[in-house]
Amino acid sequence: MSTSPKWFVCRVTTRQEKRILAAFEEKGITAYCPMERKWSLHARPKVAITRALFPGYVFAVLPDDEALDAARADRRVREIMCDKFGEPIAANTRSLRGLFIADMFHEFDETWVAPKRKRPKGKKYSHKWAAGQQAKITRGPYEGFIARVIKSKGKERVEIMLTLFGREWEWNVSQADLEELPAQDIAHDMAA
């Protein structure tokens, strides 16, 4: 049985997060800082800017005292979050896992555009989706997830409600990416 690495929260100099990530990588320390990417509101032409989602914080795996001392040696690292006795406090792994997944699916990137999908030739979608109906997502990053239909938006799009990270998210998807669930699958999902 292998244990997952413990992540610690490092408070760092604001706007130095990218440089600290590079410095930690050179020292062999695994580090992560979720970045948000937005369009600049003042630049013409439009320019994408990248900045830390949590300014002044970097998450790092510090398995031993040697890694801890190497992290503290960087003058841009102000402190590693500790308890009242001076022992570093491990970050909540579940929350970090949620951040990793959200980052992987471009939740913090407003400049990212999903690739357009074309309907396969000869395949017609005439299914009428009713509000509250369960559907299985067949393509895309949420493939295999079960969603609830909110409403049909014309012949091509469907608005769905998807539960991720304990929150409900509304999405617009193509009818080509949804599949109707047989009645026994719905009953099985409700019983689970």
Foldseek 3Di string as FASTA:
>chain_A
DDDDFFKWKWFFAFPCAVVLCVQLVVVVKHKDFQKAWDWDPPDPPIDIDIGTPDTRIMIIGQPDVVSVVSSVPPPRGPGIDDDPVRHTDTDDVLVVVLSVVCSVQNVRYPPDDDDDDDDPPPDADPDAADFQFWKAFCDDPRHGFIWTWHHADPRFWTWTWGQDPNDIDIDIDTPSRIDHDDPVVVVVVVVD
